[in-house]
Every structure is written in structure tokens, then in C-alpha cells.
């Protein structure tokens, strides 16, 4: 676990099986660490990942899932689902808010 990580609350491994991603719900950071071992580094820091300071409990980015070349991230306090495109070099592109559908999931 990254030493400065304060609220790990979501994990996902990329499709290549090389990198573990960790959502830090309190700091609004997604960390990355090689599955083979090594140091964790901040992969994405963005206000869209942060918790809302006036909400309780403080839960920002809290669930991760890879889908169609992007990382999907939910933010509990903001009530959002984000799509984070991934560049060819494995870096995070600008997070984009995903439209939410009403009704049952299919």
C-alpha cells in the first residue's frame, strides 16, 4: 500500500495483468503499482475523484473497473461515474463524466 494512501477503497488490475490500481477515497487519487512489486505512484489526481468535504462519510473515488480501453471510477459523494481513457503509454487521460441510465442494468 502506498505510504501516503489514507483511504484505499477500490482495486483493479489492468487487462495485461501488469498493474494494480488503487482508489484512495479520502485523497481523490488513483495509485498504480506493478503487480510484480515496486513502489506505488499517483496515476491520476483530479477534483472529480475527491470526496465532498461537507458530506459524511467522506467517500470519493471508491470503485474501479476496466472496460473498453478505459478505467471506470465511481465517486460516492459526488454521485458520479467517470470514464478515464488510457493513453497508449498507459497514462490517464482527462476523466469524463459518464451518462447514467435509469432502469435495470442489462
Protein backbone atom coordinates (compact mmCIF):
# COMPACT_ATOMS: atom_id res chain seq x y z
CA UNK A 1 0.00 0.00 0.00
CA UNK A 2 1.32 3.48 -0.75
CA UNK A 3 2.60 5.00 2.50
CA UNK A 4 0.63 8.21 1.92
CA UNK A 5 -2.59 6.41 0.96
CA UNK A 6 -5.24 7.23 3.53
CA UNK A 7 -8.40 5.53 2.31
CA UNK A 8 -7.89 2.59 -0.06
CA UNK A 9 -11.35 1.61 -1.26
CA UNK A 10 -11.19 0.06 -4.71
CA UNK A 11 -8.81 -2.18 -6.63
CA UNK A 12 -8.44 -3.21 -10.27
CA UNK A 13 -5.76 -4.90 -12.35
CA UNK A 14 -5.28 -3.78 -15.95
CA UNK A 15 -6.15 -6.14 -18.81
CA UNK A 16 -2.47 -7.01 -19.34
CA UNK A 17 -2.24 -8.13 -15.71
CA UNK A 18 0.78 -5.92 -15.05
CA UNK A 19 -0.50 -3.02 -12.98
CA UNK A 20 -2.69 -2.80 -9.88
CA UNK A 21 -4.72 0.39 -9.46
CA UNK A 22 -5.87 1.55 -6.03
CA UNK A 23 -8.58 4.17 -5.43
CA UNK A 24 -7.88 6.42 -2.45
CA UNK A 25 -11.34 7.59 -1.37
CA UNK A 26 -10.12 10.24 1.05
CA UNK A 27 -7.43 11.89 -1.07
CA UNK A 28 -9.03 11.64 -4.51
CA UNK A 29 -6.06 9.78 -6.01
CA UNK A 30 -5.76 6.64 -8.06
CA UNK A 31 -2.44 4.95 -7.35
CA UNK A 32 -0.68 2.46 -9.62
CA UNK A 33 1.78 -0.22 -8.60
CA UNK A 34 3.39 -3.00 -10.66
CA UNK A 35 1.86 -6.39 -9.88
CA UNK A 36 5.40 -7.80 -9.80
CA UNK A 37 6.24 -5.44 -6.92
CA UNK A 38 7.64 -1.98 -6.52
CA UNK A 39 6.60 1.43 -5.37
CA UNK A 40 3.14 2.86 -5.82
CA UNK A 41 2.89 6.15 -7.67
CA UNK A 42 -0.01 8.54 -8.18
CA UNK A 43 -1.56 7.62 -11.56
CA UNK A 44 -4.39 10.17 -11.51
CA UNK A 45 -5.26 13.05 -9.21
CA UNK A 46 -8.34 15.06 -10.08
CA UNK A 47 -11.08 17.01 -8.30
CA UNK A 48 -13.60 14.61 -9.90
CA UNK A 49 -12.14 11.83 -7.72
CA UNK A 50 -12.25 13.75 -4.44
CA UNK A 51 -14.87 13.40 -1.72
CA UNK A 52 -17.23 16.26 -0.95
CA UNK A 53 -15.91 17.85 2.29
CA UNK A 54 -19.40 18.66 3.59
CA UNK A 55 -20.72 15.11 3.11
CA UNK A 56 -20.47 12.30 5.62
CA UNK A 57 -18.99 9.80 5.28
CA UNK A 58 -16.14 11.15 3.16
CA UNK A 59 -16.05 8.71 0.25
CA UNK A 60 -14.69 9.89 -3.07
CA UNK A 61 -13.35 7.51 -5.73
CA UNK A 62 -14.30 4.10 -4.48
CA UNK A 63 -14.79 1.52 -7.19
CA UNK A 64 -12.63 0.73 -10.21
CA UNK A 65 -13.28 -1.36 -13.30
CA UNK A 66 -11.57 -1.59 -16.68
CA UNK A 67 -13.91 -1.58 -19.69
CA UNK A 68 -13.31 -0.84 -23.39
CA UNK A 69 -9.88 0.76 -23.03
CA UNK A 70 -10.81 2.97 -20.10
CA UNK A 71 -10.94 2.83 -16.33
CA UNK A 72 -14.41 3.37 -14.87
CA UNK A 73 -14.43 5.08 -11.49
CA UNK A 74 -17.38 5.76 -9.22
CA UNK A 75 -17.43 8.63 -6.75
CA UNK A 76 -19.86 8.03 -3.90
CA UNK A 77 -20.08 11.60 -2.54
CA UNK A 78 -20.38 13.28 -5.93
CA UNK A 79 -22.79 10.62 -7.23
CA UNK A 80 -20.83 10.26 -10.44
CA UNK A 81 -19.46 7.58 -12.71
CA UNK A 82 -16.31 8.60 -14.55
CA UNK A 83 -14.64 7.21 -17.65
CA UNK A 84 -10.87 7.69 -17.66
CA UNK A 85 -9.42 6.95 -21.12
CA UNK A 86 -5.97 5.37 -21.07
CA UNK A 87 -3.28 6.53 -23.48
CA UNK A 88 -1.07 4.16 -25.47
CA UNK A 89 1.64 4.75 -22.85
CA UNK A 90 -0.66 3.68 -20.00
CA UNK A 91 -1.25 7.18 -18.69
CA UNK A 92 -4.58 8.59 -17.62
CA UNK A 93 -6.32 10.97 -19.97
CA UNK A 94 -8.82 13.58 -18.73
CA UNK A 95 -11.65 11.98 -16.70
CA UNK A 96 -15.05 12.31 -18.34
CA UNK A 97 -18.39 12.01 -16.63
CA UNK A 98 -20.35 9.02 -17.95
CA UNK A 99 -24.03 9.44 -18.65
CA UNK A 100 -26.16 7.41 -16.27
CA UNK A 101 -29.17 5.47 -17.48
CA UNK A 102 -32.20 4.89 -15.40
CA UNK A 103 -33.70 1.44 -15.18
CA UNK A 104 -32.33 -2.05 -14.86
CA UNK A 105 -28.82 -2.87 -15.99
CA UNK A 106 -28.66 -5.19 -18.94
